[in-house]
PDB file of N, CA and C in Angstrom:
ATOM      1  N   MET A   1     166.133-139.569 101.767  1.00  0.00           N
ATOM      2  CA  MET A   1     165.218-140.819 101.707  1.00  0.00           C
ATOM      3  C   MET A   1     164.609-140.876 100.287  1.00  0.00           C
ATOM      4  N   LYS A   2     164.917-141.895  99.549  1.00  0.00           N
ATOM      5  CA  LYS A   2     164.216-142.135  98.206  1.00  0.00           C
ATOM      6  C   LYS A   2     162.931-142.748  98.459  1.00  0.00           C
ATOM      7  N   MET A   3     161.829-142.086  97.754  1.00  0.00           N
ATOM      8  CA  MET A   3     160.537-142.735  97.727  1.00  0.00           C
ATOM      9  C   MET A   3     160.499-143.829  96.542  1.00  0.00           C
ATOM     10  N   LYS A   4     159.880-144.932  96.870  1.00  0.00           N
ATOM     11  CA  LYS A   4     159.702-145.981  95.918  1.00  0.00           C
ATOM     12  C   LYS A   4     158.607-145.604  94.903  1.00  0.00           C
ATOM     13  N   ILE A   5     158.861-145.745  93.630  1.00  0.00           N
ATOM     14  CA  ILE A   5     157.932-145.456  92.514  1.00  0.00           C
ATOM     15  C   ILE A   5     157.103-146.687  92.353  1.00  0.00           C
ATOM     16  N   GLU A   6     155.866-146.629  92.649  1.00  0.00           N
ATOM     17  CA  GLU A   6     154.913-147.762  92.479  1.00  0.00           C
ATOM     18  C   GLU A   6     153.909-147.622  91.325  1.00  0.00           C
ATOM     19  N   CYS A   7     153.759-146.362  90.866  1.00  0.00           N
ATOM     20  CA  CYS A   7     152.961-146.053  89.591  1.00  0.00           C
ATOM     21  C   CYS A   7     153.530-144.823  88.988  1.00  0.00           C
ATOM     22  N   PHE A   8     153.139-144.623  87.808  1.00  0.00           N
ATOM     23  CA  PHE A   8     153.785-143.336  87.152  1.00  0.00           C
ATOM     24  C   PHE A   8     153.323-141.993  87.782  1.00  0.00           C
ATOM     25  N   GLU A   9     152.241-142.106  88.453  1.00  0.00           N
ATOM     26  CA  GLU A   9     151.787-140.967  89.233  1.00  0.00           C
ATOM     27  C   GLU A   9     152.791-140.475  90.375  1.00  0.00           C
ATOM     28  N   ASP A  10     153.582-141.351  90.751  1.00  0.00           N
ATOM     29  CA  ASP A  10     154.627-141.136  91.804  1.00  0.00           C
ATOM     30  C   ASP A  10     155.833-140.433  91.327  1.00  0.00           C
ATOM     31  N   ILE A  11     156.030-140.305  89.982  1.00  0.00           N
ATOM     32  CA  ILE A  11     157.268-139.840  89.272  1.00  0.00           C
ATOM     33  C   ILE A  11     157.113-138.289  89.399  1.00  0.00           C
ATOM     34  N   LEU A  12     158.182-137.757  89.971  1.00  0.00           N
ATOM     35  CA  LEU A  12     158.142-136.214  90.049  1.00  0.00           C
ATOM     36  C   LEU A  12     158.049-135.545  88.720  1.00  0.00           C
ATOM     37  N   SER A  13     158.843-135.965  87.709  1.00  0.00           N
ATOM     38  CA  SER A  13     158.708-135.244  86.435  1.00  0.00           C
ATOM     39  C   SER A  13     157.354-135.424  85.910  1.00  0.00           C
ATOM     40  N   TRP A  14     156.657-136.518  86.114  1.00  0.00           N
ATOM     41  CA  TRP A  14     155.350-136.526  85.541  1.00  0.00           C
ATOM     42  C   TRP A  14     154.370-135.532  86.374  1.00  0.00           C
ATOM     43  N   GLN A  15     154.547-135.470  87.557  1.00  0.00           N
ATOM     44  CA  GLN A  15     153.732-134.524  88.397  1.00  0.00           C
ATOM     45  C   GLN A  15     154.009-133.102  87.938  1.00  0.00           C
ATOM     46  N   LYS A  16     155.282-132.783  87.736  1.00  0.00           N
ATOM     47  CA  LYS A  16     155.668-131.444  87.290  1.00  0.00           C
ATOM     48  C   LYS A  16     155.094-131.170  85.903  1.00  0.00           C
ATOM     49  N   SER A  17     155.163-132.126  84.969  1.00  0.00           N
ATOM     50  CA  SER A  17     154.769-132.031  83.544  1.00  0.00           C
ATOM     51  C   SER A  17     153.261-131.895  83.573  1.00  0.00           C
ATOM     52  N   ARG A  18     152.522-132.458  84.490  1.00  0.00           N
ATOM     53  CA  ARG A  18     151.134-132.300  84.624  1.00  0.00           C
ATOM     54  C   ARG A  18     150.758-130.756  84.958  1.00  0.00           C
ATOM     55  N   GLU A  19     151.539-130.339  85.977  1.00  0.00           N
ATOM     56  CA  GLU A  19     151.320-128.860  86.282  1.00  0.00           C
ATOM     57  C   GLU A  19     151.615-127.976  85.106  1.00  0.00           C
ATOM     58  N   LEU A  20     152.696-128.293  84.426  1.00  0.00           N
ATOM     59  CA  LEU A  20     152.940-127.536  83.172  1.00  0.00           C
ATOM     60  C   LEU A  20     151.846-127.499  82.272  1.00  0.00           C
ATOM     61  N   CYS A  21     151.331-128.733  81.978  1.00  0.00           N
ATOM     62  CA  CYS A  21     150.289-128.975  81.015  1.00  0.00           C
ATOM     63  C   CYS A  21     149.096-128.093  81.349  1.00  0.00           C
ATOM     64  N   ILE A  22     148.681-128.154  82.547  1.00  0.00           N
ATOM     65  CA  ILE A  22     147.445-127.387  83.019  1.00  0.00           C
ATOM     66  C   ILE A  22     147.740-125.832  82.775  1.00  0.00           C
ATOM     67  N   LEU A  23     148.904-125.395  83.123  1.00  0.00           N
ATOM     68  CA  LEU A  23     149.163-123.924  82.982  1.00  0.00           C
ATOM     69  C   LEU A  23     149.242-123.587  81.404  1.00  0.00           C
ATOM     70  N   ILE A  24     149.826-124.392  80.656  1.00  0.00           N
ATOM     71  CA  ILE A  24     149.743-124.220  79.203  1.00  0.00           C
ATOM     72  C   ILE A  24     148.360-124.004  78.702  1.00  0.00           C
ATOM     73  N   TYR A  25     147.444-124.970  79.153  1.00  0.00           N
ATOM     74  CA  TYR A  25     146.117-124.972  78.648  1.00  0.00           C
ATOM     75  C   TYR A  25     145.321-123.637  79.125  1.00  0.00           C
ATOM     76  N   LYS A  26     145.718-123.204  80.369  1.00  0.00           N
ATOM     77  CA  LYS A  26     144.985-122.051  80.880  1.00  0.00           C
ATOM     78  C   LYS A  26     145.458-120.853  80.242  1.00  0.00           C
ATOM     79  N   ILE A  27     146.875-120.704  80.017  1.00  0.00           N
ATOM     80  CA  ILE A  27     147.407-119.512  79.478  1.00  0.00           C
ATOM     81  C   ILE A  27     147.050-119.223  78.059  1.00  0.00           C
ATOM     82  N   PHE A  28     146.946-120.360  77.276  1.00  0.00           N
ATOM     83  CA  PHE A  28     146.598-120.231  75.897  1.00  0.00           C
ATOM     84  C   PHE A  28     145.240-120.405  75.427  1.00  0.00           C
ATOM     85  N   GLU A  29     144.357-120.708  76.516  1.00  0.00           N
ATOM     86  CA  GLU A  29     142.868-120.926  76.241  1.00  0.00           C
ATOM     87  C   GLU A  29     142.114-119.918  75.310  1.00  0.00           C
ATOM     88  N   SER A  30     142.558-118.675  75.481  1.00  0.00           N
ATOM     89  CA  SER A  30     141.825-117.627  74.817  1.00  0.00           C
ATOM     90  C   SER A  30     142.609-117.281  73.467  1.00  0.00           C
ATOM     91  N   SER A  31     143.633-117.900  73.114  1.00  0.00           N
ATOM     92  CA  SER A  31     144.506-117.635  71.961  1.00  0.00           C
ATOM     93  C   SER A  31     143.697-118.002  70.676  1.00  0.00           C
ATOM     94  N   LYS A  32     143.653-117.075  69.837  1.00  0.00           N
ATOM     95  CA  LYS A  32     142.843-117.248  68.533  1.00  0.00           C
ATOM     96  C   LYS A  32     143.761-118.070  67.410  1.00  0.00           C
ATOM     97  N   ASP A  33     145.032-118.067  67.703  1.00  0.00           N
ATOM     98  CA  ASP A  33     145.932-118.897  66.823  1.00  0.00           C
ATOM     99  C   ASP A  33     145.920-120.266  67.194  1.00  0.00           C
ATOM    100  N   PHE A  34     144.848-120.948  66.622  1.00  0.00           N
ATOM    101  CA  PHE A  34     144.497-122.346  66.910  1.00  0.00           C
ATOM    102  C   PHE A  34     145.599-123.320  66.673  1.00  0.00           C
ATOM    103  N   SER A  35     146.316-123.050  65.575  1.00  0.00           N
ATOM    104  CA  SER A  35     147.415-123.969  65.236  1.00  0.00           C
ATOM    105  C   SER A  35     148.487-123.885  66.336  1.00  0.00           C
ATOM    106  N   PHE A  36     148.863-122.753  66.619  1.00  0.00           N
ATOM    107  CA  PHE A  36     149.913-122.622  67.720  1.00  0.00           C
ATOM    108  C   PHE A  36     149.576-123.169  68.922  1.00  0.00           C
ATOM    109  N   ARG A  37     148.291-122.806  69.278  1.00  0.00           N
ATOM    110  CA  ARG A  37     147.858-123.294  70.617  1.00  0.00           C
ATOM    111  C   ARG A  37     147.723-124.865  70.668  1.00  0.00           C
ATOM    112  N   ASN A  38     147.173-125.373  69.579  1.00  0.00           N
ATOM    113  CA  ASN A  38     147.130-126.929  69.481  1.00  0.00           C
ATOM    114  C   ASN A  38     148.552-127.552  69.512  1.00  0.00           C
ATOM    115  N   GLN A  39     149.465-127.003  68.856  1.00  0.00           N
ATOM    116  CA  GLN A  39     150.837-127.449  68.925  1.00  0.00           C
ATOM    117  C   GLN A  39     151.468-127.511  70.349  1.00  0.00           C
ATOM    118  N   ILE A  40     151.360-126.306  70.960  1.00  0.00           N
ATOM    119  CA  ILE A  40     152.076-126.244  72.373  1.00  0.00           C
ATOM    120  C   ILE A  40     151.336-127.144  73.318  1.00  0.00           C
ATOM    121  N   GLU A  41     149.951-127.269  73.152  1.00  0.00           N
ATOM    122  CA  GLU A  41     149.085-128.057  74.120  1.00  0.00           C
ATOM    123  C   GLU A  41     149.558-129.502  73.809  1.00  0.00           C
ATOM    124  N   LYS A  42     149.634-129.945  72.575  1.00  0.00           N
ATOM    125  CA  LYS A  42     149.953-131.282  72.227  1.00  0.00           C
ATOM    126  C   LYS A  42     151.415-131.607  72.700  1.00  0.00           C
ATOM    127  N   ALA A  43     152.332-130.721  72.630  1.00  0.00           N
ATOM    128  CA  ALA A  43     153.736-131.053  73.019  1.00  0.00           C
ATOM    129  C   ALA A  43     153.691-131.127  74.555  1.00  0.00           C
ATOM    130  N   SER A  44     152.945-130.275  75.245  1.00  0.00           N
ATOM    131  CA  SER A  44     153.102-130.286  76.698  1.00  0.00           C
ATOM    132  C   SER A  44     152.323-131.727  77.214  1.00  0.00           C
ATOM    133  N   VAL A  45     151.246-132.062  76.550  1.00  0.00           N
ATOM    134  CA  VAL A  45     150.661-133.347  76.901  1.00  0.00           C
ATOM    135  C   VAL A  45     151.619-134.475  76.552  1.00  0.00           C
ATOM    136  N   SER A  46     152.324-134.461  75.652  1.00  0.00           N
ATOM    137  CA  SER A  46     153.312-135.489  75.086  1.00  0.00           C
ATOM    138  C   SER A  46     154.381-135.757  76.284  1.00  0.00           C
ATOM    139  N   ILE A  47     154.729-134.672  77.003  1.00  0.00           N
ATOM    140  CA  ILE A  47     155.682-134.919  78.050  1.00  0.00           C
ATOM    141  C   ILE A  47     155.149-135.943  79.036  1.00  0.00           C
ATOM    142  N   MET A  48     153.956-135.617  79.682  1.00  0.00           N
ATOM    143  CA  MET A  48     153.481-136.428  80.698  1.00  0.00           C
ATOM    144  C   MET A  48     152.994-137.752  80.190  1.00  0.00           C
ATOM    145  N   ASN A  49     152.434-137.806  78.998  1.00  0.00           N
ATOM    146  CA  ASN A  49     151.987-139.055  78.511  1.00  0.00           C
ATOM    147  C   ASN A  49     153.154-140.134  78.078  1.00  0.00           C
ATOM    148  N   ASN A  50     154.249-139.566  77.651  1.00  0.00           N
ATOM    149  CA  ASN A  50     155.396-140.396  77.332  1.00  0.00           C
ATOM    150  C   ASN A  50     156.058-140.992  78.695  1.00  0.00           C
ATOM    151  N   ILE A  51     156.135-140.169  79.692  1.00  0.00           N
ATOM    152  CA  ILE A  51     156.599-140.574  80.994  1.00  0.00           C
ATOM    153  C   ILE A  51     155.732-141.828  81.443  1.00  0.00           C
ATOM    154  N   ALA A  52     154.325-141.546  81.328  1.00  0.00           N
ATOM    155  CA  ALA A  52     153.394-142.578  81.739  1.00  0.00           C
ATOM    156  C   ALA A  52     153.523-143.832  81.044  1.00  0.00           C
ATOM    157  N   GLU A  53     153.589-143.595  79.616  1.00  0.00           N
ATOM    158  CA  GLU A  53     153.565-144.812  78.848  1.00  0.00           C
ATOM    159  C   GLU A  53     154.855-145.680  78.849  1.00  0.00           C
ATOM    160  N   GLY A  54     155.946-144.899  79.005  1.00  0.00           N
ATOM    161  CA  GLY A  54     157.258-145.562  79.213  1.00  0.00           C
ATOM    162  C   GLY A  54     157.338-146.302  80.454  1.00  0.00           C
ATOM    163  N   TYR A  55     156.766-145.774  81.581  1.00  0.00           N
ATOM    164  CA  TYR A  55     156.726-146.379  82.832  1.00  0.00           C
ATOM    165  C   TYR A  55     155.910-147.776  82.704  1.00  0.00           C
ATOM    166  N   GLU A  56     154.809-147.625  82.022  1.00  0.00           N
ATOM    167  CA  GLU A  56     153.854-148.866  82.011  1.00  0.00           C
ATOM    168  C   GLU A  56     154.386-149.956  81.176  1.00  0.00           C
ATOM    169  N   ARG A  57     155.394-149.600  80.366  1.00  0.00           N
ATOM    170  CA  ARG A  57     156.023-150.692  79.483  1.00  0.00           C
ATOM    171  C   ARG A  57     156.853-151.680  80.456  1.00  0.00           C
ATOM    172  N   GLN A  58     157.317-151.277  81.530  1.00  0.00           N
ATOM    173  CA  GLN A  58     157.883-152.098  82.588  1.00  0.00           C
ATOM    174  C   GLN A  58     159.264-152.682  82.218  1.00  0.00           C
ATOM    175  N   THR A  59     159.924-152.148  81.254  1.00  0.00           N
ATOM    176  CA  THR A  59     161.364-152.470  81.111  1.00  0.00           C
ATOM    177  C   THR A  59     162.113-151.170  81.034  1.00  0.00           C
ATOM    178  N   ASN A  60     163.343-151.152  81.624  1.00  0.00           N
ATOM    179  CA  ASN A  60     164.160-149.947  81.737  1.00  0.00           C
ATOM    180  C   ASN A  60     164.563-149.328  80.288  1.00  0.00           C
ATOM    181  N   ASN A  61     164.833-150.275  79.392  1.00  0.00           N
ATOM    182  CA  ASN A  61     165.202-149.711  78.111  1.00  0.00           C
ATOM    183  C   ASN A  61     163.954-148.945  77.371  1.00  0.00           C
ATOM    184  N   GLU A  62     162.796-149.560  77.399  1.00  0.00           N
ATOM    185  CA  GLU A  62     161.629-148.828  76.825  1.00  0.00           C
ATOM    186  C   GLU A  62     161.345-147.653  77.581  1.00  0.00           C
ATOM    187  N   PHE A  63     161.382-147.675  78.991  1.00  0.00           N
ATOM    188  CA  PHE A  63     161.133-146.466  79.841  1.00  0.00           C
ATOM    189  C   PHE A  63     162.128-145.409  79.328  1.00  0.00           C
ATOM    190  N   ARG A  64     163.380-145.700  79.335  1.00  0.00           N
ATOM    191  CA  ARG A  64     164.388-144.806  78.944  1.00  0.00           C
ATOM    192  C   ARG A  64     164.137-144.097  77.650  1.00  0.00           C
ATOM    193  N   GLN A  65     163.781-144.930  76.611  1.00  0.00           N
ATOM    194  CA  GLN A  65     163.418-144.426  75.271  1.00  0.00           C
ATOM    195  C   GLN A  65     162.193-143.334  75.368  1.00  0.00           C
ATOM    196  N   PHE A  66     161.214-143.671  76.124  1.00  0.00           N
ATOM    197  CA  PHE A  66     160.084-142.812  76.157  1.00  0.00           C
ATOM    198  C   PHE A  66     160.408-141.467  77.022  1.00  0.00           C
ATOM    199  N   LEU A  67     161.297-141.766  77.893  1.00  0.00           N
ATOM    200  CA  LEU A  67     161.794-140.468  78.733  1.00  0.00           C
ATOM    201  C   LEU A  67     162.607-139.568  77.817  1.00  0.00           C
ATOM    202  N   TYR A  68     163.367-140.077  76.866  1.00  0.00           N
ATOM    203  CA  TYR A  68     163.969-139.302  75.810  1.00  0.00           C
ATOM    204  C   TYR A  68     163.078-138.594  74.933  1.00  0.00           C
ATOM    205  N   ILE A  69     161.928-139.236  74.560  1.00  0.00           N
ATOM    206  CA  ILE A  69     160.914-138.606  73.740  1.00  0.00           C
ATOM    207  C   ILE A  69     160.168-137.466  74.513  1.00  0.00           C
ATOM    208  N   ALA A  70     159.910-137.714  75.933  1.00  0.00           N
ATOM    209  CA  ALA A  70     159.380-136.756  76.715  1.00  0.00           C
ATOM    210  C   ALA A  70     160.323-135.519  76.804  1.00  0.00           C
ATOM    211  N   LYS A  71     161.675-135.745  77.037  1.00  0.00           N
ATOM    212  CA  LYS A  71     162.618-134.739  76.984  1.00  0.00           C
ATOM    213  C   LYS A  71     162.496-133.813  75.758  1.00  0.00           C
ATOM    214  N   GLY A  72     162.345-134.500  74.608  1.00  0.00           N
ATOM    215  CA  GLY A  72     162.259-133.782  73.314  1.00  0.00           C
ATOM    216  C   GLY A  72     161.005-132.891  73.282  1.00  0.00           C
ATOM    217  N   SER A  73     160.009-133.406  73.776  1.00  0.00           N
ATOM    218  CA  SER A  73     158.803-132.637  73.855  1.00  0.00           C
ATOM    219  C   SER A  73     158.800-131.411  74.764  1.00  0.00           C
ATOM    220  N   CYS A  74     159.674-131.683  75.811  1.00  0.00           N
ATOM    221  CA  CYS A  74     159.787-130.570  76.763  1.00  0.00           C
ATOM    222  C   CYS A  74     160.682-129.393  76.090  1.00  0.00           C
ATOM    223  N   GLY A  75     161.646-129.795  75.269  1.00  0.00           N
ATOM    224  CA  GLY A  75     162.409-128.808  74.437  1.00  0.00           C
ATOM    225  C   GLY A  75     161.529-128.191  73.502  1.00  0.00           C
ATOM    226  N   GLU A  76     160.571-128.947  72.843  1.00  0.00           N
ATOM    227  CA  GLU A  76     159.657-128.293  71.878  1.00  0.00           C
ATOM    228  C   GLU A  76     158.745-127.182  72.539  1.00  0.00           C
ATOM    229  N   VAL A  77     158.281-127.491  73.808  1.00  0.00           N
ATOM    230  CA  VAL A  77     157.514-126.562  74.466  1.00  0.00           C
ATOM    231  C   VAL A  77     158.201-125.291  74.846  1.00  0.00           C
ATOM    232  N   ARG A  78     159.548-125.500  75.271  1.00  0.00           N
ATOM    233  CA  ARG A  78     160.515-124.447  75.655  1.00  0.00           C
ATOM    234  C   ARG A  78     160.624-123.517  74.378  1.00  0.00           C
ATOM    235  N   SER A  79     160.967-124.142  73.275  1.00  0.00           N
ATOM    236  CA  SER A  79     161.106-123.398  72.008  1.00  0.00           C
ATOM    237  C   SER A  79     160.007-122.682  71.690  1.00  0.00           C
ATOM    238  N   MET A  80     158.843-123.194  71.693  1.00  0.00           N
ATOM    239  CA  MET A  80     157.540-122.503  71.343  1.00  0.00           C
ATOM    240  C   MET A  80     157.325-121.288  72.281  1.00  0.00           C
ATOM    241  N   LEU A  81     157.685-121.394  73.528  1.00  0.00           N
ATOM    242  CA  LEU A  81     157.518-120.399  74.504  1.00  0.00           C
ATOM    243  C   LEU A  81     158.270-119.102  74.020  1.00  0.00           C
ATOM    244  N   TYR A  82     159.441-119.292  73.382  1.00  0.00           N
ATOM    245  CA  TYR A  82     160.127-118.201  72.885  1.00  0.00           C
ATOM    246  C   TYR A  82     159.391-117.460  71.724  1.00  0.00           C
ATOM    247  N   ILE A  83     158.773-118.260  70.852  1.00  0.00           N
ATOM    248  CA  ILE A  83     157.967-117.624  69.847  1.00  0.00           C
ATOM    249  C   ILE A  83     156.801-116.947  70.473  1.00  0.00           C
ATOM    250  N   ALA A  84     156.091-117.476  71.369  1.00  0.00           N
ATOM    251  CA  ALA A  84     154.965-116.989  71.992  1.00  0.00           C
ATOM    252  C   ALA A  84     155.347-115.608  72.599  1.00  0.00           C
ATOM    253  N   LYS A  85     156.491-115.603  73.371  1.00  0.00           N
ATOM    254  CA  LYS A  85     156.960-114.346  73.975  1.00  0.00           C
ATOM    255  C   LYS A  85     157.289-113.220  72.875  1.00  0.00           C
ATOM    256  N   ASP A  86     157.941-113.643  71.817  1.00  0.00           N
ATOM    257  CA  ASP A  86     158.479-112.797  70.818  1.00  0.00           C
ATOM    258  C   ASP A  86     157.246-112.086  70.066  1.00  0.00           C
ATOM    259  N   VAL A  87     156.198-112.839  69.849  1.00  0.00           N
ATOM    260  CA  VAL A  87     155.007-112.254  69.249  1.00  0.00           C
ATOM    261  C   VAL A  87     153.921-111.768  70.089  1.00  0.00           C
ATOM    262  N   GLU A  88     154.336-111.720  71.491  1.00  0.00           N
ATOM    263  CA  GLU A  88     153.471-111.210  72.604  1.00  0.00           C
ATOM    264  C   GLU A  88     152.206-111.989  72.660  1.00  0.00           C
ATOM    265  N   LYS A  89     152.330-113.282  72.613  1.00  0.00           N
ATOM    266  CA  LYS A  89     151.124-114.135  72.923  1.00  0.00           C
ATOM    267  C   LYS A  89     151.048-114.416  74.412  1.00  0.00           C
ATOM    268  N   ILE A  90     152.169-114.298  75.129  1.00  0.00           N
ATOM    269  CA  ILE A  90     152.143-114.407  76.542  1.00  0.00           C
ATOM    270  C   ILE A  90     152.981-113.362  77.151  1.00  0.00           C
ATOM    271  N   SER A  91     152.717-113.000  78.494  1.00  0.00           N
ATOM    272  CA  SER A  91     153.439-112.103  79.174  1.00  0.00           C
ATOM    273  C   SER A  91     154.891-112.604  79.597  1.00  0.00           C
ATOM    274  N   ASP A  92     155.681-111.642  79.854  1.00  0.00           N
ATOM    275  CA  ASP A  92     157.077-111.924  80.281  1.00  0.00           C
ATOM    276  C   ASP A  92     157.056-112.821  81.604  1.00  0.00           C
ATOM    277  N   ILE A  93     156.136-112.487  82.460  1.00  0.00           N
ATOM    278  CA  ILE A  93     156.039-113.284  83.753  1.00  0.00           C
ATOM    279  C   ILE A  93     155.661-114.690  83.503  1.00  0.00           C
ATOM    280  N   ASP A  94     154.606-114.937  82.578  1.00  0.00           N
ATOM    281  CA  ASP A  94     154.243-116.264  82.168  1.00  0.00           C
ATOM    282  C   ASP A  94     155.302-116.977  81.408  1.00  0.00           C
ATOM    283  N   PHE A  95     156.082-116.307  80.554  1.00  0.00           N
ATOM    284  CA  PHE A  95     157.254-116.845  79.826  1.00  0.00           C
ATOM    285  C   PHE A  95     158.200-117.423  80.928  1.00  0.00           C
ATOM    286  N   ILE A  96     158.523-116.483  81.867  1.00  0.00           N
ATOM    287  CA  ILE A  96     159.727-116.894  82.826  1.00  0.00           C
ATOM    288  C   ILE A  96     159.249-118.069  83.554  1.00  0.00           C
ATOM    289  N   LYS A  97     158.001-118.050  84.115  1.00  0.00           N
ATOM    290  CA  LYS A  97     157.475-119.242  84.829  1.00  0.00           C
ATOM    291  C   LYS A  97     157.453-120.502  84.066  1.00  0.00           C
ATOM    292  N   LEU A  98     156.873-120.321  82.916  1.00  0.00           N
ATOM    293  CA  LEU A  98     156.832-121.745  82.063  1.00  0.00           C
ATOM    294  C   LEU A  98     158.215-122.142  81.656  1.00  0.00           C
ATOM    295  N   GLN A  99     159.096-121.230  81.331  1.00  0.00           N
ATOM    296  CA  GLN A  99     160.431-121.607  80.892  1.00  0.00           C
ATOM    297  C   GLN A  99     161.071-122.343  82.087  1.00  0.00           C
ATOM    298  N   ALA A 100     161.040-121.782  83.287  1.00  0.00           N
ATOM    299  CA  ALA A 100     161.677-122.267  84.394  1.00  0.00           C
ATOM    300  C   ALA A 100     161.048-123.767  84.682  1.00  0.00           C
ATOM    301  N   MET A 101     159.750-123.943  84.532  1.00  0.00           N
ATOM    302  CA  MET A 101     159.168-125.271  84.626  1.00  0.00           C
ATOM    303  C   MET A 101     159.678-126.195  83.640  1.00  0.00           C
ATOM    304  N   THR A 102     159.898-125.890  82.360  1.00  0.00           N
ATOM    305  CA  THR A 102     160.466-126.756  81.380  1.00  0.00           C
ATOM    306  C   THR A 102     161.839-127.145  81.641  1.00  0.00           C
ATOM    307  N   ILE A 103     162.670-126.190  82.161  1.00  0.00           N
ATOM    308  CA  ILE A 103     164.109-126.470  82.474  1.00  0.00           C
ATOM    309  C   ILE A 103     164.048-127.498  83.636  1.00  0.00           C
ATOM    310  N   GLU A 104     163.183-127.233  84.644  1.00  0.00           N
ATOM    311  CA  GLU A 104     163.185-128.162  85.759  1.00  0.00           C
ATOM    312  C   GLU A 104     162.943-129.586  85.338  1.00  0.00           C
ATOM    313  N   ILE A 105     161.707-129.767  84.561  1.00  0.00           N
ATOM    314  CA  ILE A 105     161.318-130.942  83.994  1.00  0.00           C
ATOM    315  C   ILE A 105     162.392-131.668  83.206  1.00  0.00           C
ATOM    316  N   SER A 106     163.069-130.950  82.473  1.00  0.00           N
ATOM    317  CA  SER A 106     164.095-131.468  81.566  1.00  0.00           C
ATOM    318  C   SER A 106     165.222-132.028  82.492  1.00  0.00           C
ATOM    319  N   LYS A 107     165.580-131.306  83.470  1.00  0.00           N
ATOM    320  CA  LYS A 107     166.621-131.755  84.437  1.00  0.00           C
ATOM    321  C   LYS A 107     166.150-133.049  85.147  1.00  0.00           C
ATOM    322  N   LEU A 108     164.959-133.048  85.641  1.00  0.00           N
ATOM    323  CA  LEU A 108     164.415-134.177  86.351  1.00  0.00           C
ATOM    324  C   LEU A 108     164.443-135.471  85.406  1.00  0.00           C
ATOM    325  N   LEU A 109     163.980-135.266  84.129  1.00  0.00           N
ATOM    326  CA  LEU A 109     164.066-136.355  83.172  1.00  0.00           C
ATOM    327  C   LEU A 109     165.499-136.877  82.854  1.00  0.00           C
ATOM    328  N   SER A 110     166.463-135.894  82.805  1.00  0.00           N
ATOM    329  CA  SER A 110     167.878-136.411  82.720  1.00  0.00           C
ATOM    330  C   SER A 110     168.295-137.155  83.800  1.00  0.00           C
ATOM    331  N   GLY A 111     167.983-136.783  84.988  1.00  0.00           N
ATOM    332  CA  GLY A 111     168.290-137.557  86.205  1.00  0.00           C
ATOM    333  C   GLY A 111     167.685-138.819  86.283  1.00  0.00           C
ATOM    334  N   LEU A 112     166.562-138.957  85.687  1.00  0.00           N
ATOM    335  CA  LEU A 112     165.742-140.254  85.728  1.00  0.00           C
ATOM    336  C   LEU A 112     166.468-141.180  84.789  1.00  0.00           C
ATOM    337  N   ILE A 113     166.804-140.561  83.575  1.00  0.00           N
ATOM    338  CA  ILE A 113     167.397-141.418  82.562  1.00  0.00           C
ATOM    339  C   ILE A 113     168.772-142.021  82.998  1.00  0.00           C
ATOM    340  N   LYS A 114     169.491-141.014  83.708  1.00  0.00           N
ATOM    341  CA  LYS A 114     170.826-141.526  84.161  1.00  0.00           C
ATOM    342  C   LYS A 114     170.660-142.649  85.267  1.00  0.00           C
ATOM    343  N   ALA A 115     169.597-142.444  86.040  1.00  0.00           N
ATOM    344  CA  ALA A 115     169.295-143.557  87.154  1.00  0.00           C
ATOM    345  C   ALA A 115     168.996-144.921  86.522  1.00  0.00           C
ATOM    346  N   LEU A 116     168.412-144.870  85.334  1.00  0.00           N
ATOM    347  CA  LEU A 116     168.056-146.136  84.686  1.00  0.00           C
ATOM    348  C   LEU A 116     169.263-146.886  84.140  1.00  0.00           C
TER     349      LEU A 116
END
């Protein structure tokens, strides 16, 4: 059974990207590398905000374009996670969890793009 999307908050990829964003903020809140922290936080926020902004444009073409931007930001977060892991800014457990979340969100976004 498909649920009707009545607002961007109903979109599963938005819900999952919100969870990712919260975790990113919590995991990196004590990081002294302010530039890195700011970049990964901004990229994670960009995922959820682009889903929301695209949905609110109320045309499939614009929504699709914003979903592609969100997908790109998701890739940016995933790429930055490798750096964070390699220079030991995050634990292996956090890396695996966050990486899995970004992959899931990316797949959800791909599915939504195809559905449009």
